[in-house]
Amino acid sequence: MSTATWLAVAGGALVLLEMLTLDFTLLMIALGLFSAAGALALSVPDAWAGVIGAAVSIASLGFLRPLALRVFRRGTGIRTGTDALLGSSGVALTDVAAAGQVKLRGEVWSARAYDGVPIAAGTKVDVIAIEGATAAVLAAAGEGSN
């Protein structure tokens, strides 16, 4: 096999390994290998093909990889699980001080008053934090507490 073929095969192997790491480093090196293989296929001298491959790899690692990381690690912005409850509203089912129960999005949660000020049953509450299986709540603005 020719050198260009070997470089292309090595680039393909790095692409497959990249699928295991998802760090975009191996992918950028693979781009350099593919570039060198392409240059060799176009009859560019070996030394220049090496320079082209190295330049593409370095440029990709310096510019393309940070962009790819920003795009793919940005997240969706959708909160799930207990994070989705932060800032939500509910109703105190029992008096809430050191312990009590509130209804949040149709579910009954153990709760405690976030600031230690007791909250009367029936009061609208806002979730400030989730600590394990306990919601730390405050009386909603404009709602009275005991």
N, C-alpha and C. Protein backbone atom coordinates (compact mmCIF):
# COMPACT_ATOMS: atom_id res chain seq x y z
N MET A 1 0.84 -1.19 0.00
CA MET A 1 0.00 0.00 0.00
C MET A 1 0.88 1.24 0.00
N SER A 2 0.34 2.30 -0.58
CA SER A 2 1.09 3.55 -0.64
C SER A 2 1.03 4.28 0.70
N THR A 3 1.92 5.24 0.84
CA THR A 3 1.96 6.05 2.06
C THR A 3 0.64 6.79 2.26
N ALA A 4 0.06 7.31 1.19
CA ALA A 4 -1.22 8.02 1.28
C ALA A 4 -2.31 7.11 1.83
N THR A 5 -2.31 5.86 1.40
CA THR A 5 -3.32 4.91 1.89
C THR A 5 -3.11 4.64 3.38
N TRP A 6 -1.85 4.45 3.77
CA TRP A 6 -1.56 4.22 5.20
C TRP A 6 -2.00 5.41 6.05
N LEU A 7 -1.74 6.60 5.58
CA LEU A 7 -2.16 7.80 6.33
C LEU A 7 -3.68 7.87 6.44
N ALA A 8 -4.37 7.54 5.37
CA ALA A 8 -5.84 7.56 5.40
C ALA A 8 -6.38 6.50 6.35
N VAL A 9 -5.76 5.32 6.36
CA VAL A 9 -6.19 4.26 7.29
C VAL A 9 -5.93 4.69 8.73
N ALA A 10 -4.77 5.29 8.98
CA ALA A 10 -4.46 5.77 10.34
C ALA A 10 -5.45 6.86 10.76
N GLY A 11 -5.79 7.75 9.83
CA GLY A 11 -6.79 8.78 10.12
C GLY A 11 -8.14 8.17 10.46
N GLY A 12 -8.54 7.15 9.70
CA GLY A 12 -9.80 6.46 9.99
C GLY A 12 -9.79 5.81 11.35
N ALA A 13 -8.65 5.21 11.73
CA ALA A 13 -8.54 4.59 13.05
C ALA A 13 -8.68 5.64 14.15
N LEU A 14 -8.08 6.81 13.94
CA LEU A 14 -8.21 7.88 14.93
C LEU A 14 -9.65 8.38 15.04
N VAL A 15 -10.35 8.42 13.92
CA VAL A 15 -11.77 8.82 13.97
C VAL A 15 -12.56 7.82 14.80
N LEU A 16 -12.29 6.54 14.61
CA LEU A 16 -12.98 5.52 15.41
C LEU A 16 -12.64 5.65 16.90
N LEU A 17 -11.37 5.89 17.21
CA LEU A 17 -10.98 6.08 18.61
C LEU A 17 -11.62 7.34 19.20
N GLU A 18 -11.76 8.36 18.36
CA GLU A 18 -12.40 9.61 18.82
C GLU A 18 -13.81 9.36 19.31
N MET A 19 -14.48 8.41 18.69
CA MET A 19 -15.85 8.09 19.12
C MET A 19 -15.88 7.56 20.55
N LEU A 20 -14.78 7.06 21.04
CA LEU A 20 -14.71 6.59 22.42
C LEU A 20 -14.39 7.71 23.40
N THR A 21 -13.63 8.71 22.96
CA THR A 21 -13.19 9.76 23.88
C THR A 21 -14.06 11.01 23.83
N LEU A 22 -14.55 11.37 22.64
CA LEU A 22 -15.36 12.58 22.44
C LEU A 22 -14.67 13.84 22.96
N ASP A 23 -13.35 13.89 22.78
CA ASP A 23 -12.56 15.03 23.24
C ASP A 23 -12.14 15.92 22.07
N PHE A 24 -12.34 15.46 20.84
CA PHE A 24 -12.03 16.17 19.61
C PHE A 24 -10.54 16.32 19.33
N THR A 25 -9.67 15.76 20.17
CA THR A 25 -8.24 15.82 19.91
C THR A 25 -7.85 14.86 18.79
N LEU A 26 -8.26 13.62 18.92
CA LEU A 26 -7.90 12.62 17.90
C LEU A 26 -8.52 12.97 16.55
N LEU A 27 -9.68 13.56 16.56
CA LEU A 27 -10.34 13.95 15.31
C LEU A 27 -9.52 15.03 14.59
N MET A 28 -8.96 15.97 15.34
CA MET A 28 -8.17 17.03 14.74
C MET A 28 -6.87 16.47 14.15
N ILE A 29 -6.27 15.50 14.82
CA ILE A 29 -5.06 14.86 14.30
C ILE A 29 -5.42 14.06 13.04
N ALA A 30 -6.58 13.41 13.07
CA ALA A 30 -7.04 12.67 11.89
C ALA A 30 -7.22 13.60 10.70
N LEU A 31 -7.71 14.81 10.93
CA LEU A 31 -7.84 15.78 9.83
C LEU A 31 -6.48 16.07 9.21
N GLY A 32 -5.44 16.18 10.03
CA GLY A 32 -4.09 16.38 9.52
C GLY A 32 -3.61 15.19 8.70
N LEU A 33 -3.90 13.98 9.19
CA LEU A 33 -3.51 12.78 8.44
C LEU A 33 -4.24 12.71 7.10
N PHE A 34 -5.52 13.01 7.10
CA PHE A 34 -6.28 13.01 5.84
C PHE A 34 -5.73 14.07 4.88
N SER A 35 -5.35 15.23 5.41
CA SER A 35 -4.79 16.28 4.56
C SER A 35 -3.47 15.84 3.94
N ALA A 36 -2.62 15.22 4.74
CA ALA A 36 -1.34 14.73 4.22
C ALA A 36 -1.57 13.64 3.18
N ALA A 37 -2.53 12.75 3.45
CA ALA A 37 -2.84 11.70 2.48
C ALA A 37 -3.35 12.31 1.18
N GLY A 38 -4.19 13.31 1.26
CA GLY A 38 -4.69 13.98 0.08
C GLY A 38 -3.58 14.67 -0.69
N ALA A 39 -2.67 15.30 0.04
CA ALA A 39 -1.54 15.97 -0.63
C ALA A 39 -0.68 14.95 -1.36
N LEU A 40 -0.41 13.82 -0.71
CA LEU A 40 0.38 12.77 -1.37
C LEU A 40 -0.34 12.22 -2.59
N ALA A 41 -1.66 12.08 -2.51
CA ALA A 41 -2.44 11.59 -3.65
C ALA A 41 -2.37 12.56 -4.82
N LEU A 42 -2.12 13.82 -4.52
CA LEU A 42 -1.99 14.85 -5.57
C LEU A 42 -0.53 15.03 -6.01
N SER A 43 0.33 14.10 -5.58
CA SER A 43 1.75 14.07 -5.96
C SER A 43 2.57 15.22 -5.38
N VAL A 44 2.16 15.71 -4.22
CA VAL A 44 2.97 16.69 -3.50
C VAL A 44 4.15 15.94 -2.89
N PRO A 45 5.36 16.52 -2.88
CA PRO A 45 6.50 15.83 -2.28
C PRO A 45 6.23 15.44 -0.82
N ASP A 46 6.84 14.33 -0.38
CA ASP A 46 6.60 13.79 0.96
C ASP A 46 6.81 14.83 2.06
N ALA A 47 7.89 15.59 1.97
CA ALA A 47 8.20 16.57 3.02
C ALA A 47 7.09 17.63 3.11
N TRP A 48 6.62 18.09 1.97
CA TRP A 48 5.56 19.10 1.96
C TRP A 48 4.24 18.52 2.45
N ALA A 49 3.98 17.26 2.11
CA ALA A 49 2.76 16.62 2.61
C ALA A 49 2.80 16.54 4.13
N GLY A 50 3.98 16.26 4.68
CA GLY A 50 4.13 16.23 6.14
C GLY A 50 3.89 17.59 6.76
N VAL A 51 4.41 18.62 6.12
CA VAL A 51 4.20 19.99 6.62
C VAL A 51 2.72 20.36 6.54
N ILE A 52 2.06 19.99 5.45
CA ILE A 52 0.63 20.27 5.30
C ILE A 52 -0.17 19.55 6.38
N GLY A 53 0.12 18.27 6.60
CA GLY A 53 -0.59 17.50 7.62
C GLY A 53 -0.38 18.07 9.02
N ALA A 54 0.86 18.44 9.33
CA ALA A 54 1.15 19.01 10.65
C ALA A 54 0.45 20.36 10.82
N ALA A 55 0.47 21.18 9.77
CA ALA A 55 -0.16 22.50 9.85
C ALA A 55 -1.66 22.37 10.04
N VAL A 56 -2.29 21.45 9.32
CA VAL A 56 -3.74 21.26 9.47
C VAL A 56 -4.06 20.75 10.87
N SER A 57 -3.27 19.81 11.39
CA SER A 57 -3.50 19.30 12.74
C SER A 57 -3.37 20.40 13.78
N ILE A 58 -2.30 21.18 13.69
CA ILE A 58 -2.06 22.26 14.67
C ILE A 58 -3.16 23.32 14.58
N ALA A 59 -3.50 23.71 13.36
CA ALA A 59 -4.56 24.71 13.20
C ALA A 59 -5.89 24.18 13.72
N SER A 60 -6.18 22.92 13.45
CA SER A 60 -7.43 22.33 13.92
C SER A 60 -7.47 22.28 15.44
N LEU A 61 -6.36 21.87 16.04
CA LEU A 61 -6.30 21.80 17.50
C LEU A 61 -6.42 23.18 18.13
N GLY A 62 -5.85 24.19 17.47
CA GLY A 62 -5.87 25.54 18.02
C GLY A 62 -7.17 26.30 17.80
N PHE A 63 -7.83 26.05 16.68
CA PHE A 63 -9.00 26.86 16.34
C PHE A 63 -10.31 26.07 16.28
N LEU A 64 -10.28 24.94 15.59
CA LEU A 64 -11.51 24.18 15.38
C LEU A 64 -11.94 23.42 16.64
N ARG A 65 -10.98 22.83 17.37
CA ARG A 65 -11.33 22.07 18.56
C ARG A 65 -12.02 22.93 19.63
N PRO A 66 -11.49 24.11 19.99
CA PRO A 66 -12.19 24.93 20.99
C PRO A 66 -13.61 25.30 20.55
N LEU A 67 -13.80 25.56 19.27
CA LEU A 67 -15.13 25.87 18.77
C LEU A 67 -16.05 24.66 18.91
N ALA A 68 -15.56 23.50 18.54
CA ALA A 68 -16.36 22.28 18.65
C ALA A 68 -16.71 21.98 20.10
N LEU A 69 -15.76 22.17 21.00
CA LEU A 69 -16.04 21.93 22.43
C LEU A 69 -17.11 22.87 22.95
N ARG A 70 -17.04 24.14 22.55
CA ARG A 70 -18.05 25.10 22.99
C ARG A 70 -19.43 24.71 22.49
N VAL A 71 -19.51 24.32 21.24
CA VAL A 71 -20.81 23.98 20.65
C VAL A 71 -21.39 22.72 21.27
N PHE A 72 -20.59 21.68 21.40
CA PHE A 72 -21.12 20.39 21.83
C PHE A 72 -21.23 20.25 23.34
N ARG A 73 -20.57 21.07 24.11
CA ARG A 73 -20.66 20.96 25.57
C ARG A 73 -21.51 22.07 26.18
N ARG A 74 -22.14 22.83 25.34
CA ARG A 74 -22.97 23.93 25.81
C ARG A 74 -24.19 23.42 26.57
N GLY A 75 -24.71 22.29 26.16
CA GLY A 75 -25.91 21.77 26.81
C GLY A 75 -27.16 22.34 26.18
N THR A 76 -28.27 21.83 26.59
CA THR A 76 -29.54 22.24 26.00
C THR A 76 -30.19 23.38 26.76
N GLY A 77 -29.76 23.60 28.00
CA GLY A 77 -30.40 24.62 28.81
C GLY A 77 -31.68 24.13 29.46
N ILE A 78 -32.01 22.87 29.25
CA ILE A 78 -33.21 22.30 29.85
C ILE A 78 -32.83 21.67 31.17
N ARG A 79 -33.47 22.13 32.23
CA ARG A 79 -33.20 21.56 33.54
C ARG A 79 -34.09 20.34 33.74
N THR A 80 -33.51 19.29 34.30
CA THR A 80 -34.26 18.06 34.54
C THR A 80 -34.07 17.62 35.99
N GLY A 81 -34.85 16.64 36.40
CA GLY A 81 -34.74 16.10 37.75
C GLY A 81 -35.03 17.16 38.79
N THR A 82 -34.28 17.11 39.89
CA THR A 82 -34.52 18.06 40.97
C THR A 82 -34.14 19.48 40.57
N ASP A 83 -33.21 19.65 39.63
CA ASP A 83 -32.86 21.00 39.17
C ASP A 83 -34.06 21.71 38.57
N ALA A 84 -34.98 20.96 37.97
CA ALA A 84 -36.17 21.56 37.36
C ALA A 84 -37.11 22.14 38.41
N LEU A 85 -36.98 21.69 39.65
CA LEU A 85 -37.87 22.19 40.72
C LEU A 85 -37.39 23.52 41.30
N LEU A 86 -36.11 23.85 41.14
CA LEU A 86 -35.58 25.09 41.71
C LEU A 86 -36.32 26.28 41.13
N GLY A 87 -36.84 27.13 42.01
CA GLY A 87 -37.58 28.31 41.59
C GLY A 87 -39.05 28.05 41.31
N SER A 88 -39.47 26.80 41.36
CA SER A 88 -40.88 26.51 41.09
C SER A 88 -41.72 26.81 42.33
N SER A 89 -43.03 26.83 42.14
CA SER A 89 -43.96 27.14 43.23
C SER A 89 -44.75 25.90 43.61
N GLY A 90 -45.24 25.90 44.82
CA GLY A 90 -46.07 24.81 45.31
C GLY A 90 -46.93 25.30 46.45
N VAL A 91 -47.52 24.36 47.18
CA VAL A 91 -48.40 24.69 48.30
C VAL A 91 -47.99 23.86 49.50
N ALA A 92 -47.93 24.48 50.65
CA ALA A 92 -47.63 23.75 51.88
C ALA A 92 -48.85 22.91 52.26
N LEU A 93 -48.66 21.59 52.38
CA LEU A 93 -49.76 20.71 52.77
C LEU A 93 -49.90 20.65 54.28
N THR A 94 -48.79 20.81 54.98
CA THR A 94 -48.78 20.85 56.45
C THR A 94 -48.02 22.09 56.87
N ASP A 95 -48.04 22.39 58.14
CA ASP A 95 -47.18 23.46 58.62
C ASP A 95 -45.74 23.05 58.37
N VAL A 96 -44.94 23.99 57.86
CA VAL A 96 -43.55 23.68 57.53
C VAL A 96 -42.64 24.56 58.38
N ALA A 97 -41.80 23.93 59.16
CA ALA A 97 -40.77 24.64 59.92
C ALA A 97 -39.48 23.85 59.70
N ALA A 98 -39.11 23.02 60.70
CA ALA A 98 -37.95 22.15 60.52
C ALA A 98 -38.31 20.98 59.62
N ALA A 99 -39.59 20.66 59.56
CA ALA A 99 -40.07 19.57 58.70
C ALA A 99 -41.51 19.86 58.32
N GLY A 100 -41.96 19.25 57.26
CA GLY A 100 -43.34 19.40 56.80
C GLY A 100 -43.46 18.80 55.41
N GLN A 101 -44.60 19.06 54.77
CA GLN A 101 -44.81 18.54 53.43
C GLN A 101 -45.37 19.63 52.53
N VAL A 102 -44.92 19.61 51.29
CA VAL A 102 -45.42 20.54 50.27
C VAL A 102 -45.77 19.75 49.02
N LYS A 103 -46.64 20.34 48.21
CA LYS A 103 -46.99 19.72 46.93
C LYS A 103 -46.33 20.55 45.84
N LEU A 104 -45.45 19.88 45.06
CA LEU A 104 -44.72 20.53 43.98
C LEU A 104 -45.00 19.79 42.69
N ARG A 105 -45.58 20.46 41.73
CA ARG A 105 -45.86 19.85 40.42
C ARG A 105 -46.57 18.51 40.55
N GLY A 106 -47.53 18.45 41.44
CA GLY A 106 -48.35 17.27 41.59
C GLY A 106 -47.76 16.18 42.48
N GLU A 107 -46.56 16.40 43.02
CA GLU A 107 -45.93 15.41 43.88
C GLU A 107 -45.79 15.96 45.28
N VAL A 108 -45.90 15.08 46.27
CA VAL A 108 -45.73 15.47 47.66
C VAL A 108 -44.25 15.32 48.02
N TRP A 109 -43.68 16.40 48.55
CA TRP A 109 -42.27 16.41 48.94
C TRP A 109 -42.13 16.71 50.43
N SER A 110 -41.13 16.13 51.05
CA SER A 110 -40.73 16.55 52.39
C SER A 110 -40.15 17.95 52.24
N ALA A 111 -40.38 18.78 53.23
CA ALA A 111 -39.91 20.16 53.11
C ALA A 111 -39.45 20.68 54.45
N ARG A 112 -38.65 21.74 54.38
CA ARG A 112 -38.27 22.51 55.57
C ARG A 112 -38.25 23.97 55.17
N ALA A 113 -38.49 24.82 56.16
CA ALA A 113 -38.46 26.26 55.90
C ALA A 113 -37.01 26.67 55.67
N TYR A 114 -36.73 27.29 54.56
CA TYR A 114 -35.37 27.65 54.18
C TYR A 114 -34.73 28.59 55.20
N ASP A 115 -35.48 29.57 55.65
CA ASP A 115 -34.93 30.56 56.58
C ASP A 115 -35.32 30.29 58.03
N GLY A 116 -35.97 29.17 58.28
CA GLY A 116 -36.36 28.82 59.64
C GLY A 116 -37.67 29.44 60.10
N VAL A 117 -38.25 30.33 59.30
CA VAL A 117 -39.52 30.96 59.66
C VAL A 117 -40.64 29.98 59.28
N PRO A 118 -41.46 29.60 60.27
CA PRO A 118 -42.53 28.62 59.98
C PRO A 118 -43.49 29.10 58.90
N ILE A 119 -43.98 28.15 58.12
CA ILE A 119 -44.92 28.43 57.03
C ILE A 119 -46.19 27.65 57.32
N ALA A 120 -47.34 28.32 57.28
CA ALA A 120 -48.62 27.68 57.60
C ALA A 120 -49.10 26.81 56.44
N ALA A 121 -49.85 25.77 56.77
CA ALA A 121 -50.45 24.90 55.76
C ALA A 121 -51.32 25.74 54.84
N GLY A 122 -51.33 25.43 53.55
CA GLY A 122 -52.12 26.16 52.57
C GLY A 122 -51.41 27.36 51.97
N THR A 123 -50.23 27.71 52.48
CA THR A 123 -49.48 28.86 51.97
C THR A 123 -48.75 28.47 50.69
N LYS A 124 -48.78 29.37 49.72
CA LYS A 124 -47.99 29.14 48.50
C LYS A 124 -46.52 29.29 48.86
N VAL A 125 -45.68 28.40 48.31
CA VAL A 125 -44.26 28.42 48.62
C VAL A 125 -43.44 28.41 47.33
N ASP A 126 -42.22 28.89 47.44
CA ASP A 126 -41.25 28.84 46.34
C ASP A 126 -40.09 27.95 46.78
N VAL A 127 -39.63 27.10 45.86
CA VAL A 127 -38.52 26.20 46.15
C VAL A 127 -37.21 26.96 45.98
N ILE A 128 -36.40 26.97 47.04
CA ILE A 128 -35.12 27.66 47.02
C ILE A 128 -33.99 26.67 46.74
N ALA A 129 -34.09 25.47 47.33
CA ALA A 129 -33.06 24.45 47.15
C ALA A 129 -33.67 23.08 47.33
N ILE A 130 -32.99 22.08 46.80
CA ILE A 130 -33.35 20.69 47.03
C ILE A 130 -32.16 20.05 47.73
N GLU A 131 -32.40 19.51 48.90
CA GLU A 131 -31.34 18.89 49.70
C GLU A 131 -31.70 17.43 49.89
N GLY A 132 -31.17 16.57 49.04
CA GLY A 132 -31.56 15.17 49.08
C GLY A 132 -32.99 15.03 48.60
N ALA A 133 -33.86 14.53 49.49
CA ALA A 133 -35.28 14.39 49.14
C ALA A 133 -36.13 15.43 49.83
N THR A 134 -35.50 16.50 50.29
CA THR A 134 -36.21 17.56 51.02
C THR A 134 -36.10 18.87 50.27
N ALA A 135 -37.23 19.52 50.10
CA ALA A 135 -37.25 20.83 49.45
C ALA A 135 -37.13 21.91 50.51
N ALA A 136 -36.19 22.82 50.32
CA ALA A 136 -36.07 23.99 51.20
C ALA A 136 -36.91 25.08 50.56
N VAL A 137 -37.94 25.56 51.29
CA VAL A 137 -38.91 26.48 50.71
C VAL A 137 -39.05 27.76 51.53
N LEU A 138 -39.52 28.78 50.87
CA LEU A 138 -39.90 30.06 51.50
C LEU A 138 -41.33 30.35 51.12
N ALA A 139 -42.03 31.08 51.97
CA ALA A 139 -43.36 31.53 51.62
C ALA A 139 -43.26 32.42 50.39
N ALA A 140 -44.14 32.22 49.42
CA ALA A 140 -44.11 33.03 48.19
C ALA A 140 -44.34 34.49 48.54
N ALA A 141 -43.83 35.37 47.73
CA ALA A 141 -43.99 36.79 47.94
C ALA A 141 -45.48 37.13 48.06
N GLY A 142 -45.82 37.87 49.10
CA GLY A 142 -47.21 38.26 49.31
C GLY A 142 -47.99 37.26 50.12
N GLU A 143 -47.41 36.11 50.43
CA GLU A 143 -48.10 35.10 51.25
C GLU A 143 -47.66 35.26 52.68
N GLY A 144 -48.59 35.09 53.59
CA GLY A 144 -48.26 35.20 55.00
C GLY A 144 -47.73 33.89 55.55
N SER A 145 -47.01 33.95 56.63
CA SER A 145 -46.57 32.74 57.35
C SER A 145 -46.74 33.00 58.83
N ASN A 146 -46.73 31.92 59.62
CA ASN A 146 -46.92 32.05 61.07
C ASN A 146 -45.71 32.63 61.74
